[in-house]
Amino acid sequence: MKQILINNFKCLEGSFIYGLHENAHFDVSAFWDYYNSLVFITKETKENRDLDRKTTDMVCYTYSYIMRSLVWNFCPDDLYSISNLPADDLNLYVERLEIAFMGYIKGQVINDSSFELVNPTKQ
């Protein structure tokens, strides 16, 4: 699962960030792969008192890049426009991302049943 985070960090083909960057496309399946990798890494490291700097750098960079991409999409002076953007549920996707990101920092995983947006890989 950490490989998914690495692939996103390196913007490798097939990763969520690759889709955003190279194709301006919101790949829902790749989003959930990325999200689930953050949750997995958090579960694996939540007992650690100190965070690994390399992993933390990748988590922070990828989260930041995704959020900036979403902002750029709505900037009227920017030509960047994301296809397949789940506009009606975007706030729910952002909620998932934010809680996964903060969960990694705090060493906490929130149960999937707490979210309105269903994780299709957990059904």
PDB file of N, CA and C in Angstrom:
ATOM      1  N   MET A   1       0.811  -1.207   0.000  1.00  0.00           N
ATOM      2  CA  MET A   1       0.000   0.000   0.000  1.00  0.00           C
ATOM      3  C   MET A   1       0.855   1.273   0.000  1.00  0.00           C
ATOM      4  N   LYS A   2       2.025   1.207   0.617  1.00  0.00           N
ATOM      5  CA  LYS A   2       2.876   2.397   0.608  1.00  0.00           C
ATOM      6  C   LYS A   2       3.319   2.727  -0.814  1.00  0.00           C
ATOM      7  N   GLN A   3       3.394   1.711  -1.662  1.00  0.00           N
ATOM      8  CA  GLN A   3       3.805   1.943  -3.049  1.00  0.00           C
ATOM      9  C   GLN A   3       2.826   2.884  -3.754  1.00  0.00           C
ATOM     10  N   ILE A   4       1.559   2.826  -3.397  1.00  0.00           N
ATOM     11  CA  ILE A   4       0.572   3.729  -4.002  1.00  0.00           C
ATOM     12  C   ILE A   4       0.897   5.175  -3.634  1.00  0.00           C
ATOM     13  N   LEU A   5       1.263   5.410  -2.388  1.00  0.00           N
ATOM     14  CA  LEU A   5       1.678   6.760  -1.973  1.00  0.00           C
ATOM     15  C   LEU A   5       2.920   7.187  -2.749  1.00  0.00           C
ATOM     16  N   ILE A   6       3.883   6.302  -2.868  1.00  0.00           N
ATOM     17  CA  ILE A   6       5.119   6.610  -3.609  1.00  0.00           C
ATOM     18  C   ILE A   6       4.799   6.930  -5.065  1.00  0.00           C
ATOM     19  N   ASN A   7       3.940   6.143  -5.680  1.00  0.00           N
ATOM     20  CA  ASN A   7       3.571   6.377  -7.085  1.00  0.00           C
ATOM     21  C   ASN A   7       2.919   7.744  -7.263  1.00  0.00           C
ATOM     22  N   ASN A   8       2.084   8.138  -6.310  1.00  0.00           N
ATOM     23  CA  ASN A   8       1.455   9.457  -6.373  1.00  0.00           C
ATOM     24  C   ASN A   8       2.488  10.554  -6.162  1.00  0.00           C
ATOM     25  N   PHE A   9       3.378  10.350  -5.223  1.00  0.00           N
ATOM     26  CA  PHE A   9       4.430  11.325  -4.951  1.00  0.00           C
ATOM     27  C   PHE A   9       5.304  11.553  -6.185  1.00  0.00           C
ATOM     28  N   LYS A  10       5.583  10.472  -6.899  1.00  0.00           N
ATOM     29  CA  LYS A  10       6.420  10.553  -8.106  1.00  0.00           C
ATOM     30  C   LYS A  10       5.599  10.855  -9.366  1.00  0.00           C
ATOM     31  N   CYS A  11       4.292  10.984  -9.205  1.00  0.00           N
ATOM     32  CA  CYS A  11       3.383  11.268 -10.324  1.00  0.00           C
ATOM     33  C   CYS A  11       3.531  10.219 -11.422  1.00  0.00           C
ATOM     34  N   LEU A  12       3.520   8.949 -11.022  1.00  0.00           N
ATOM     35  CA  LEU A  12       3.667   7.861 -11.983  1.00  0.00           C
ATOM     36  C   LEU A  12       2.334   7.536 -12.639  1.00  0.00           C
ATOM     37  N   GLU A  13       2.410   7.105 -13.874  1.00  0.00           N
ATOM     38  CA  GLU A  13       1.212   6.780 -14.640  1.00  0.00           C
ATOM     39  C   GLU A  13       0.341   5.797 -13.865  1.00  0.00           C
ATOM     40  N   GLY A  14      -0.954   6.070 -13.852  1.00  0.00           N
ATOM     41  CA  GLY A  14      -1.905   5.226 -13.136  1.00  0.00           C
ATOM     42  C   GLY A  14      -2.246   5.742 -11.746  1.00  0.00           C
ATOM     43  N   SER A  15      -1.439   6.677 -11.244  1.00  0.00           N
ATOM     44  CA  SER A  15      -1.716   7.225  -9.914  1.00  0.00           C
ATOM     45  C   SER A  15      -2.756   8.336 -10.006  1.00  0.00           C
ATOM     46  N   PHE A  16      -3.381   8.632  -8.886  1.00  0.00           N
ATOM     47  CA  PHE A  16      -4.390   9.684  -8.845  1.00  0.00           C
ATOM     48  C   PHE A  16      -3.798  11.026  -9.264  1.00  0.00           C
ATOM     49  N   ILE A  17      -2.622  11.346  -8.733  1.00  0.00           N
ATOM     50  CA  ILE A  17      -1.995  12.623  -9.061  1.00  0.00           C
ATOM     51  C   ILE A  17      -1.579  12.674 -10.533  1.00  0.00           C
ATOM     52  N   TYR A  18      -1.154  11.565 -11.083  1.00  0.00           N
ATOM     53  CA  TYR A  18      -0.836  11.542 -12.514  1.00  0.00           C
ATOM     54  C   TYR A  18      -2.070  11.929 -13.320  1.00  0.00           C
ATOM     55  N   GLY A  19      -3.205  11.355 -12.975  1.00  0.00           N
ATOM     56  CA  GLY A  19      -4.440  11.679 -13.677  1.00  0.00           C
ATOM     57  C   GLY A  19      -4.792  13.155 -13.577  1.00  0.00           C
ATOM     58  N   LEU A  20      -4.630  13.721 -12.367  1.00  0.00           N
ATOM     59  CA  LEU A  20      -4.911  15.148 -12.189  1.00  0.00           C
ATOM     60  C   LEU A  20      -3.934  16.005 -12.981  1.00  0.00           C
ATOM     61  N   HIS A  21      -2.651  15.658 -12.904  1.00  0.00           N
ATOM     62  CA  HIS A  21      -1.611  16.487 -13.498  1.00  0.00           C
ATOM     63  C   HIS A  21      -1.533  16.347 -15.024  1.00  0.00           C
ATOM     64  N   GLU A  22      -1.460  15.136 -15.490  1.00  0.00           N
ATOM     65  CA  GLU A  22      -1.225  14.908 -16.916  1.00  0.00           C
ATOM     66  C   GLU A  22      -2.503  14.941 -17.756  1.00  0.00           C
ATOM     67  N   ASN A  23      -3.615  14.519 -17.166  1.00  0.00           N
ATOM     68  CA  ASN A  23      -4.850  14.397 -17.933  1.00  0.00           C
ATOM     69  C   ASN A  23      -5.963  15.329 -17.453  1.00  0.00           C
ATOM     70  N   ALA A  24      -5.712  16.051 -16.365  1.00  0.00           N
ATOM     71  CA  ALA A  24      -6.752  16.894 -15.758  1.00  0.00           C
ATOM     72  C   ALA A  24      -8.038  16.083 -15.593  1.00  0.00           C
ATOM     73  N   HIS A  25      -7.872  14.888 -15.018  1.00  0.00           N
ATOM     74  CA  HIS A  25      -8.980  13.943 -14.884  1.00  0.00           C
ATOM     75  C   HIS A  25      -9.044  13.419 -13.453  1.00  0.00           C
ATOM     76  N   PHE A  26     -10.228  13.418 -12.874  1.00  0.00           N
ATOM     77  CA  PHE A  26     -10.457  12.874 -11.532  1.00  0.00           C
ATOM     78  C   PHE A  26     -10.828  11.407 -11.686  1.00  0.00           C
ATOM     79  N   ASP A  27      -9.862  10.543 -11.417  1.00  0.00           N
ATOM     80  CA  ASP A  27     -10.061   9.095 -11.519  1.00  0.00           C
ATOM     81  C   ASP A  27     -10.538   8.599 -10.150  1.00  0.00           C
ATOM     82  N   VAL A  28     -11.818   8.281 -10.056  1.00  0.00           N
ATOM     83  CA  VAL A  28     -12.422   7.899  -8.778  1.00  0.00           C
ATOM     84  C   VAL A  28     -11.735   6.671  -8.189  1.00  0.00           C
ATOM     85  N   SER A  29     -11.450   5.679  -9.006  1.00  0.00           N
ATOM     86  CA  SER A  29     -10.788   4.463  -8.529  1.00  0.00           C
ATOM     87  C   SER A  29      -9.399   4.783  -7.975  1.00  0.00           C
ATOM     88  N   ALA A  30      -8.648   5.617  -8.678  1.00  0.00           N
ATOM     89  CA  ALA A  30      -7.308   6.004  -8.218  1.00  0.00           C
ATOM     90  C   ALA A  30      -7.394   6.858  -6.945  1.00  0.00           C
ATOM     91  N   PHE A  31      -8.461   7.656  -6.825  1.00  0.00           N
ATOM     92  CA  PHE A  31      -8.670   8.414  -5.585  1.00  0.00           C
ATOM     93  C   PHE A  31      -8.766   7.459  -4.405  1.00  0.00           C
ATOM     94  N   TRP A  32      -9.611   6.436  -4.553  1.00  0.00           N
ATOM     95  CA  TRP A  32      -9.792   5.499  -3.435  1.00  0.00           C
ATOM     96  C   TRP A  32      -8.521   4.702  -3.164  1.00  0.00           C
ATOM     97  N   ASP A  33      -7.749   4.380  -4.182  1.00  0.00           N
ATOM     98  CA  ASP A  33      -6.457   3.720  -3.951  1.00  0.00           C
ATOM     99  C   ASP A  33      -5.568   4.612  -3.092  1.00  0.00           C
ATOM    100  N   TYR A  34      -5.494   5.894  -3.454  1.00  0.00           N
ATOM    101  CA  TYR A  34      -4.678   6.847  -2.697  1.00  0.00           C
ATOM    102  C   TYR A  34      -5.205   6.979  -1.272  1.00  0.00           C
ATOM    103  N   TYR A  35      -6.499   7.205  -1.126  1.00  0.00           N
ATOM    104  CA  TYR A  35      -7.109   7.352   0.203  1.00  0.00           C
ATOM    105  C   TYR A  35      -6.829   6.119   1.069  1.00  0.00           C
ATOM    106  N   ASN A  36      -7.076   4.935   0.510  1.00  0.00           N
ATOM    107  CA  ASN A  36      -6.874   3.699   1.275  1.00  0.00           C
ATOM    108  C   ASN A  36      -5.413   3.493   1.653  1.00  0.00           C
ATOM    109  N   SER A  37      -4.505   3.966   0.804  1.00  0.00           N
ATOM    110  CA  SER A  37      -3.078   3.847   1.151  1.00  0.00           C
ATOM    111  C   SER A  37      -2.755   4.711   2.365  1.00  0.00           C
ATOM    112  N   LEU A  38      -3.350   5.922   2.437  1.00  0.00           N
ATOM    113  CA  LEU A  38      -3.124   6.773   3.616  1.00  0.00           C
ATOM    114  C   LEU A  38      -3.665   6.111   4.878  1.00  0.00           C
ATOM    115  N   VAL A  39      -4.839   5.538   4.783  1.00  0.00           N
ATOM    116  CA  VAL A  39      -5.435   4.866   5.943  1.00  0.00           C
ATOM    117  C   VAL A  39      -4.574   3.674   6.355  1.00  0.00           C
ATOM    118  N   PHE A  40      -4.118   2.888   5.391  1.00  0.00           N
ATOM    119  CA  PHE A  40      -3.265   1.734   5.684  1.00  0.00           C
ATOM    120  C   PHE A  40      -1.973   2.167   6.369  1.00  0.00           C
ATOM    121  N   ILE A  41      -1.329   3.179   5.818  1.00  0.00           N
ATOM    122  CA  ILE A  41      -0.073   3.679   6.402  1.00  0.00           C
ATOM    123  C   ILE A  41      -0.316   4.194   7.819  1.00  0.00           C
ATOM    124  N   THR A  42      -1.439   4.860   8.030  1.00  0.00           N
ATOM    125  CA  THR A  42      -1.770   5.361   9.364  1.00  0.00           C
ATOM    126  C   THR A  42      -1.941   4.202  10.339  1.00  0.00           C
ATOM    127  N   LYS A  43      -2.655   3.167   9.940  1.00  0.00           N
ATOM    128  CA  LYS A  43      -2.844   1.996  10.810  1.00  0.00           C
ATOM    129  C   LYS A  43      -1.511   1.346  11.146  1.00  0.00           C
ATOM    130  N   GLU A  44      -0.628   1.288  10.155  1.00  0.00           N
ATOM    131  CA  GLU A  44       0.679   0.655  10.347  1.00  0.00           C
ATOM    132  C   GLU A  44       1.605   1.469  11.249  1.00  0.00           C
ATOM    133  N   THR A  45       1.414   2.780  11.299  1.00  0.00           N
ATOM    134  CA  THR A  45       2.371   3.648  12.007  1.00  0.00           C
ATOM    135  C   THR A  45       1.778   4.366  13.209  1.00  0.00           C
ATOM    136  N   LYS A  46       0.497   4.145  13.528  1.00  0.00           N
ATOM    137  CA  LYS A  46      -0.158   4.947  14.565  1.00  0.00           C
ATOM    138  C   LYS A  46       0.443   4.770  15.955  1.00  0.00           C
ATOM    139  N   GLU A  47       1.110   3.689  16.189  1.00  0.00           N
ATOM    140  CA  GLU A  47       1.739   3.468  17.495  1.00  0.00           C
ATOM    141  C   GLU A  47       3.128   4.111  17.588  1.00  0.00           C
ATOM    142  N   ASN A  48       3.659   4.543  16.444  1.00  0.00           N
ATOM    143  CA  ASN A  48       4.985   5.172  16.436  1.00  0.00           C
ATOM    144  C   ASN A  48       4.899   6.556  17.068  1.00  0.00           C
ATOM    145  N   ARG A  49       5.807   6.833  17.963  1.00  0.00           N
ATOM    146  CA  ARG A  49       5.829   8.147  18.603  1.00  0.00           C
ATOM    147  C   ARG A  49       6.272   9.225  17.626  1.00  0.00           C
ATOM    148  N   ASP A  50       7.232   8.883  16.773  1.00  0.00           N
ATOM    149  CA  ASP A  50       7.760   9.830  15.789  1.00  0.00           C
ATOM    150  C   ASP A  50       7.373   9.384  14.382  1.00  0.00           C
ATOM    151  N   LEU A  51       7.055  10.349  13.544  1.00  0.00           N
ATOM    152  CA  LEU A  51       6.720  10.060  12.156  1.00  0.00           C
ATOM    153  C   LEU A  51       7.986   9.996  11.309  1.00  0.00           C
ATOM    154  N   ASP A  52       7.974   9.088  10.346  1.00  0.00           N
ATOM    155  CA  ASP A  52       9.071   8.988   9.401  1.00  0.00           C
ATOM    156  C   ASP A  52       9.031  10.210   8.483  1.00  0.00           C
ATOM    157  N   ARG A  53      10.142  10.933   8.382  1.00  0.00           N
ATOM    158  CA  ARG A  53      10.165  12.180   7.608  1.00  0.00           C
ATOM    159  C   ARG A  53       9.888  11.965   6.127  1.00  0.00           C
ATOM    160  N   LYS A  54      10.419  10.895   5.533  1.00  0.00           N
ATOM    161  CA  LYS A  54      10.201  10.652   4.098  1.00  0.00           C
ATOM    162  C   LYS A  54       8.727  10.375   3.814  1.00  0.00           C
ATOM    163  N   THR A  55       8.138   9.540   4.625  1.00  0.00           N
ATOM    164  CA  THR A  55       6.718   9.230   4.443  1.00  0.00           C
ATOM    165  C   THR A  55       5.872  10.473   4.674  1.00  0.00           C
ATOM    166  N   THR A  56       6.186  11.220   5.714  1.00  0.00           N
ATOM    167  CA  THR A  56       5.438  12.437   6.020  1.00  0.00           C
ATOM    168  C   THR A  56       5.565  13.457   4.899  1.00  0.00           C
ATOM    169  N   ASP A  57       6.737  13.575   4.326  1.00  0.00           N
ATOM    170  CA  ASP A  57       6.927  14.474   3.190  1.00  0.00           C
ATOM    171  C   ASP A  57       6.029  14.057   2.032  1.00  0.00           C
ATOM    172  N   MET A  58       5.966  12.763   1.745  1.00  0.00           N
ATOM    173  CA  MET A  58       5.127  12.281   0.649  1.00  0.00           C
ATOM    174  C   MET A  58       3.643  12.516   0.940  1.00  0.00           C
ATOM    175  N   VAL A  59       3.225  12.253   2.173  1.00  0.00           N
ATOM    176  CA  VAL A  59       1.823  12.466   2.552  1.00  0.00           C
ATOM    177  C   VAL A  59       1.461  13.944   2.424  1.00  0.00           C
ATOM    178  N   CYS A  60       2.301  14.815   2.965  1.00  0.00           N
ATOM    179  CA  CYS A  60       2.018  16.256   2.928  1.00  0.00           C
ATOM    180  C   CYS A  60       2.032  16.799   1.500  1.00  0.00           C
ATOM    181  N   TYR A  61       3.015  16.388   0.718  1.00  0.00           N
ATOM    182  CA  TYR A  61       3.114  16.878  -0.662  1.00  0.00           C
ATOM    183  C   TYR A  61       1.906  16.448  -1.489  1.00  0.00           C
ATOM    184  N   THR A  62       1.551  15.160  -1.401  1.00  0.00           N
ATOM    185  CA  THR A  62       0.451  14.666  -2.226  1.00  0.00           C
ATOM    186  C   THR A  62      -0.873  15.297  -1.809  1.00  0.00           C
ATOM    187  N   TYR A  63      -1.110  15.402  -0.523  1.00  0.00           N
ATOM    188  CA  TYR A  63      -2.337  16.050  -0.044  1.00  0.00           C
ATOM    189  C   TYR A  63      -2.392  17.494  -0.549  1.00  0.00           C
ATOM    190  N   SER A  64      -1.305  18.200  -0.399  1.00  0.00           N
ATOM    191  CA  SER A  64      -1.242  19.594  -0.833  1.00  0.00           C
ATOM    192  C   SER A  64      -1.461  19.712  -2.338  1.00  0.00           C
ATOM    193  N   TYR A  65      -0.857  18.835  -3.115  1.00  0.00           N
ATOM    194  CA  TYR A  65      -1.000  18.902  -4.569  1.00  0.00           C
ATOM    195  C   TYR A  65      -2.451  18.658  -4.987  1.00  0.00           C
ATOM    196  N   ILE A  66      -3.077  17.690  -4.372  1.00  0.00           N
ATOM    197  CA  ILE A  66      -4.477  17.401  -4.697  1.00  0.00           C
ATOM    198  C   ILE A  66      -5.360  18.600  -4.366  1.00  0.00           C
ATOM    199  N   MET A  67      -5.164  19.180  -3.194  1.00  0.00           N
ATOM    200  CA  MET A  67      -5.982  20.326  -2.795  1.00  0.00           C
ATOM    201  C   MET A  67      -5.740  21.525  -3.722  1.00  0.00           C
ATOM    202  N   ARG A  68      -4.485  21.770  -4.087  1.00  0.00           N
ATOM    203  CA  ARG A  68      -4.187  22.865  -5.015  1.00  0.00           C
ATOM    204  C   ARG A  68      -4.825  22.624  -6.377  1.00  0.00           C
ATOM    205  N   SER A  69      -4.828  21.385  -6.829  1.00  0.00           N
ATOM    206  CA  SER A  69      -5.453  21.056  -8.114  1.00  0.00           C
ATOM    207  C   SER A  69      -6.940  21.372  -8.084  1.00  0.00           C
ATOM    208  N   LEU A  70      -7.585  21.060  -6.970  1.00  0.00           N
ATOM    209  CA  LEU A  70      -9.012  21.366  -6.850  1.00  0.00           C
ATOM    210  C   LEU A  70      -9.252  22.869  -6.855  1.00  0.00           C
ATOM    211  N   VAL A  71      -8.388  23.619  -6.181  1.00  0.00           N
ATOM    212  CA  VAL A  71      -8.518  25.082  -6.171  1.00  0.00           C
ATOM    213  C   VAL A  71      -8.311  25.630  -7.576  1.00  0.00           C
ATOM    214  N   TRP A  72      -7.281  25.156  -8.271  1.00  0.00           N
ATOM    215  CA  TRP A  72      -7.006  25.639  -9.626  1.00  0.00           C
ATOM    216  C   TRP A  72      -8.197  25.393 -10.548  1.00  0.00           C
ATOM    217  N   ASN A  73      -8.878  24.274 -10.340  1.00  0.00           N
ATOM    218  CA  ASN A  73     -10.034  23.957 -11.171  1.00  0.00           C
ATOM    219  C   ASN A  73     -11.102  25.052 -11.092  1.00  0.00           C
ATOM    220  N   PHE A  74     -11.243  25.678  -9.951  1.00  0.00           N
ATOM    221  CA  PHE A  74     -12.290  26.684  -9.765  1.00  0.00           C
ATOM    222  C   PHE A  74     -11.793  28.119  -9.926  1.00  0.00           C
ATOM    223  N   CYS A  75     -10.524  28.277 -10.264  1.00  0.00           N
ATOM    224  CA  CYS A  75      -9.975  29.619 -10.471  1.00  0.00           C
ATOM    225  C   CYS A  75     -10.401  30.119 -11.852  1.00  0.00           C
ATOM    226  N   PRO A  76     -11.140  31.222 -11.914  1.00  0.00           N
ATOM    227  CA  PRO A  76     -11.657  31.688 -13.207  1.00  0.00           C
ATOM    228  C   PRO A  76     -10.570  32.147 -14.183  1.00  0.00           C
ATOM    229  N   ASP A  77      -9.396  32.489 -13.686  1.00  0.00           N
ATOM    230  CA  ASP A  77      -8.315  32.956 -14.556  1.00  0.00           C
ATOM    231  C   ASP A  77      -7.375  31.836 -14.991  1.00  0.00           C
ATOM    232  N   ASP A  78      -7.675  30.620 -14.588  1.00  0.00           N
ATOM    233  CA  ASP A  78      -6.817  29.480 -14.906  1.00  0.00           C
ATOM    234  C   ASP A  78      -7.520  28.608 -15.946  1.00  0.00           C
ATOM    235  N   LEU A  79      -6.788  28.103 -16.912  1.00  0.00           N
ATOM    236  CA  LEU A  79      -7.369  27.257 -17.956  1.00  0.00           C
ATOM    237  C   LEU A  79      -7.539  25.799 -17.501  1.00  0.00           C
ATOM    238  N   TYR A  80      -6.964  25.459 -16.347  1.00  0.00           N
ATOM    239  CA  TYR A  80      -7.027  24.095 -15.833  1.00  0.00           C
ATOM    240  C   TYR A  80      -8.466  23.737 -15.475  1.00  0.00           C
ATOM    241  N   SER A  81      -8.937  22.625 -16.002  1.00  0.00           N
ATOM    242  CA  SER A  81     -10.298  22.171 -15.715  1.00  0.00           C
ATOM    243  C   SER A  81     -10.275  20.648 -15.600  1.00  0.00           C
ATOM    244  N   ILE A  82     -10.724  20.147 -14.478  1.00  0.00           N
ATOM    245  CA  ILE A  82     -10.679  18.710 -14.204  1.00  0.00           C
ATOM    246  C   ILE A  82     -11.939  18.039 -14.753  1.00  0.00           C
ATOM    247  N   SER A  83     -11.735  17.041 -15.605  1.00  0.00           N
ATOM    248  CA  SER A  83     -12.869  16.257 -16.102  1.00  0.00           C
ATOM    249  C   SER A  83     -13.232  15.191 -15.071  1.00  0.00           C
ATOM    250  N   ASN A  84     -14.459  14.729 -15.141  1.00  0.00           N
ATOM    251  CA  ASN A  84     -14.974  13.684 -14.251  1.00  0.00           C
ATOM    252  C   ASN A  84     -14.966  14.103 -12.777  1.00  0.00           C
ATOM    253  N   LEU A  85     -14.918  15.387 -12.520  1.00  0.00           N
ATOM    254  CA  LEU A  85     -14.911  15.885 -11.145  1.00  0.00           C
ATOM    255  C   LEU A  85     -16.279  15.632 -10.513  1.00  0.00           C
ATOM    256  N   PRO A  86     -16.320  14.933  -9.382  1.00  0.00           N
ATOM    257  CA  PRO A  86     -17.613  14.665  -8.740  1.00  0.00           C
ATOM    258  C   PRO A  86     -18.117  15.916  -8.006  1.00  0.00           C
ATOM    259  N   ALA A  87     -18.555  16.902  -8.767  1.00  0.00           N
ATOM    260  CA  ALA A  87     -18.894  18.227  -8.224  1.00  0.00           C
ATOM    261  C   ALA A  87     -19.955  18.160  -7.130  1.00  0.00           C
ATOM    262  N   ASP A  88     -20.957  17.313  -7.301  1.00  0.00           N
ATOM    263  CA  ASP A  88     -22.030  17.244  -6.307  1.00  0.00           C
ATOM    264  C   ASP A  88     -21.560  16.671  -4.969  1.00  0.00           C
ATOM    265  N   ASP A  89     -20.522  15.858  -5.000  1.00  0.00           N
ATOM    266  CA  ASP A  89     -19.999  15.238  -3.783  1.00  0.00           C
ATOM    267  C   ASP A  89     -18.585  15.688  -3.454  1.00  0.00           C
ATOM    268  N   LEU A  90     -18.119  16.737  -4.118  1.00  0.00           N
ATOM    269  CA  LEU A  90     -16.728  17.148  -3.935  1.00  0.00           C
ATOM    270  C   LEU A  90     -16.402  17.435  -2.472  1.00  0.00           C
ATOM    271  N   ASN A  91     -17.319  18.073  -1.770  1.00  0.00           N
ATOM    272  CA  ASN A  91     -17.088  18.352  -0.349  1.00  0.00           C
ATOM    273  C   ASN A  91     -16.879  17.065   0.445  1.00  0.00           C
ATOM    274  N   LEU A  92     -17.529  15.982   0.034  1.00  0.00           N
ATOM    275  CA  LEU A  92     -17.385  14.711   0.744  1.00  0.00           C
ATOM    276  C   LEU A  92     -16.040  14.050   0.445  1.00  0.00           C
ATOM    277  N   TYR A  93     -15.565  14.210  -0.789  1.00  0.00           N
ATOM    278  CA  TYR A  93     -14.237  13.711  -1.138  1.00  0.00           C
ATOM    279  C   TYR A  93     -13.163  14.509  -0.387  1.00  0.00           C
ATOM    280  N   VAL A  94     -13.346  15.825  -0.328  1.00  0.00           N
ATOM    281  CA  VAL A  94     -12.395  16.675   0.401  1.00  0.00           C
ATOM    282  C   VAL A  94     -12.396  16.312   1.883  1.00  0.00           C
ATOM    283  N   GLU A  95     -13.574  16.038   2.421  1.00  0.00           N
ATOM    284  CA  GLU A  95     -13.665  15.623   3.827  1.00  0.00           C
ATOM    285  C   GLU A  95     -12.857  14.351   4.058  1.00  0.00           C
ATOM    286  N   ARG A  96     -13.020  13.388   3.176  1.00  0.00           N
ATOM    287  CA  ARG A  96     -12.264  12.134   3.299  1.00  0.00           C
ATOM    288  C   ARG A  96     -10.758  12.405   3.265  1.00  0.00           C
ATOM    289  N   LEU A  97     -10.337  13.208   2.294  1.00  0.00           N
ATOM    290  CA  LEU A  97      -8.907  13.518   2.175  1.00  0.00           C
ATOM    291  C   LEU A  97      -8.375  14.204   3.426  1.00  0.00           C
ATOM    292  N   GLU A  98      -9.088  15.210   3.875  1.00  0.00           N
ATOM    293  CA  GLU A  98      -8.628  15.969   5.038  1.00  0.00           C
ATOM    294  C   GLU A  98      -8.532  15.084   6.274  1.00  0.00           C
ATOM    295  N   ILE A  99      -9.526  14.258   6.499  1.00  0.00           N
ATOM    296  CA  ILE A  99      -9.512  13.413   7.691  1.00  0.00           C
ATOM    297  C   ILE A  99      -8.439  12.330   7.585  1.00  0.00           C
ATOM    298  N   ALA A 100      -8.206  11.809   6.392  1.00  0.00           N
ATOM    299  CA  ALA A 100      -7.124  10.835   6.218  1.00  0.00           C
ATOM    300  C   ALA A 100      -5.772  11.498   6.452  1.00  0.00           C
ATOM    301  N   PHE A 101      -5.598  12.711   5.937  1.00  0.00           N
ATOM    302  CA  PHE A 101      -4.351  13.447   6.124  1.00  0.00           C
ATOM    303  C   PHE A 101      -4.122  13.752   7.612  1.00  0.00           C
ATOM    304  N   MET A 102      -5.114  14.340   8.251  1.00  0.00           N
ATOM    305  CA  MET A 102      -4.977  14.675   9.674  1.00  0.00           C
ATOM    306  C   MET A 102      -4.854  13.407  10.518  1.00  0.00           C
ATOM    307  N   GLY A 103      -5.526  12.353  10.092  1.00  0.00           N
ATOM    308  CA  GLY A 103      -5.423  11.080  10.795  1.00  0.00           C
ATOM    309  C   GLY A 103      -4.002  10.545  10.774  1.00  0.00           C
ATOM    310  N   TYR A 104      -3.331  10.681   9.640  1.00  0.00           N
ATOM    311  CA  TYR A 104      -1.937  10.249   9.566  1.00  0.00           C
ATOM    312  C   TYR A 104      -1.090  11.037  10.559  1.00  0.00           C
ATOM    313  N   ILE A 105      -1.267  12.352  10.589  1.00  0.00           N
ATOM    314  CA  ILE A 105      -0.473  13.201  11.488  1.00  0.00           C
ATOM    315  C   ILE A 105      -0.739  12.839  12.956  1.00  0.00           C
ATOM    316  N   LYS A 106      -2.002  12.602  13.284  1.00  0.00           N
ATOM    317  CA  LYS A 106      -2.395  12.336  14.674  1.00  0.00           C
ATOM    318  C   LYS A 106      -2.323  10.859  15.058  1.00  0.00           C
ATOM    319  N   GLY A 107      -2.178   9.988  14.057  1.00  0.00           N
ATOM    320  CA  GLY A 107      -2.172   8.555  14.346  1.00  0.00           C
ATOM    321  C   GLY A 107      -3.563   8.017  14.643  1.00  0.00           C
ATOM    322  N   GLN A 108      -4.562   8.557  13.943  1.00  0.00           N
ATOM    323  CA  GLN A 108      -5.951   8.150  14.171  1.00  0.00           C
ATOM    324  C   GLN A 108      -6.596   7.737  12.856  1.00  0.00           C
ATOM    325  N   VAL A 109      -7.395   6.690  12.930  1.00  0.00           N
ATOM    326  CA  VAL A 109      -8.164   6.246  11.771  1.00  0.00           C
ATOM    327  C   VAL A 109      -9.637   6.320  12.151  1.00  0.00           C
ATOM    328  N   ILE A 110     -10.404   7.023  11.345  1.00  0.00           N
ATOM    329  CA  ILE A 110     -11.841   7.156  11.570  1.00  0.00           C
ATOM    330  C   ILE A 110     -12.551   6.020  10.834  1.00  0.00           C
ATOM    331  N   ASN A 111     -13.479   5.387  11.497  1.00  0.00           N
ATOM    332  CA  ASN A 111     -14.229   4.274  10.928  1.00  0.00           C
ATOM    333  C   ASN A 111     -14.991   4.728   9.689  1.00  0.00           C
ATOM    334  N   ASP A 112     -14.990   3.896   8.657  1.00  0.00           N
ATOM    335  CA  ASP A 112     -15.669   4.218   7.398  1.00  0.00           C
ATOM    336  C   ASP A 112     -17.155   4.519   7.589  1.00  0.00           C
ATOM    337  N   SER A 113     -17.769   3.911   8.571  1.00  0.00           N
ATOM    338  CA  SER A 113     -19.204   4.123   8.777  1.00  0.00           C
ATOM    339  C   SER A 113     -19.518   5.542   9.257  1.00  0.00           C
ATOM    340  N   SER A 114     -18.494   6.299   9.639  1.00  0.00           N
ATOM    341  CA  SER A 114     -18.686   7.676  10.102  1.00  0.00           C
ATOM    342  C   SER A 114     -18.867   8.658   8.952  1.00  0.00           C
ATOM    343  N   PHE A 115     -18.633   8.222   7.733  1.00  0.00           N
ATOM    344  CA  PHE A 115     -18.656   9.109   6.581  1.00  0.00           C
ATOM    345  C   PHE A 115     -19.923   8.936   5.755  1.00  0.00           C
ATOM    346  N   GLU A 116     -20.365  10.033   5.184  1.00  0.00           N
ATOM    347  CA  GLU A 116     -21.504   9.980   4.268  1.00  0.00           C
ATOM    348  C   GLU A 116     -21.077   9.372   2.930  1.00  0.00           C
ATOM    349  N   LEU A 117     -19.885   9.716   2.471  1.00  0.00           N
ATOM    350  CA  LEU A 117     -19.365   9.199   1.199  1.00  0.00           C
ATOM    351  C   LEU A 117     -18.873   7.776   1.422  1.00  0.00           C
ATOM    352  N   VAL A 118     -19.503   6.837   0.742  1.00  0.00           N
ATOM    353  CA  VAL A 118     -19.183   5.426   0.922  1.00  0.00           C
ATOM    354  C   VAL A 118     -17.891   5.088   0.185  1.00  0.00           C
ATOM    355  N   ASN A 119     -17.011   4.388   0.867  1.00  0.00           N
ATOM    356  CA  ASN A 119     -15.783   3.892   0.271  1.00  0.00           C
ATOM    357  C   ASN A 119     -16.131   2.597  -0.470  1.00  0.00           C
ATOM    358  N   PRO A 120     -16.150   2.602  -1.797  1.00  0.00           N
ATOM    359  CA  PRO A 120     -16.610   1.416  -2.544  1.00  0.00           C
ATOM    360  C   PRO A 120     -15.721   0.195  -2.355  1.00  0.00           C
ATOM    361  N   THR A 121     -14.511   0.383  -1.885  1.00  0.00           N
ATOM    362  CA  THR A 121     -13.621  -0.757  -1.669  1.00  0.00           C
ATOM    363  C   THR A 121     -13.891  -1.436  -0.326  1.00  0.00           C
ATOM    364  N   LYS A 122     -14.755  -0.854   0.485  1.00  0.00           N
ATOM    365  CA  LYS A 122     -15.050  -1.401   1.810  1.00  0.00           C
ATOM    366  C   LYS A 122     -16.461  -1.971   1.905  1.00  0.00           C
ATOM    367  N   GLN A 123     -17.147  -2.114   0.786  1.00  0.00           N
ATOM    368  CA  GLN A 123     -18.520  -2.641   0.801  1.00  0.00           C
ATOM    369  C   GLN A 123     -18.528  -4.138   0.810  1.00  0.00           C
TER     370      GLN A 123
END
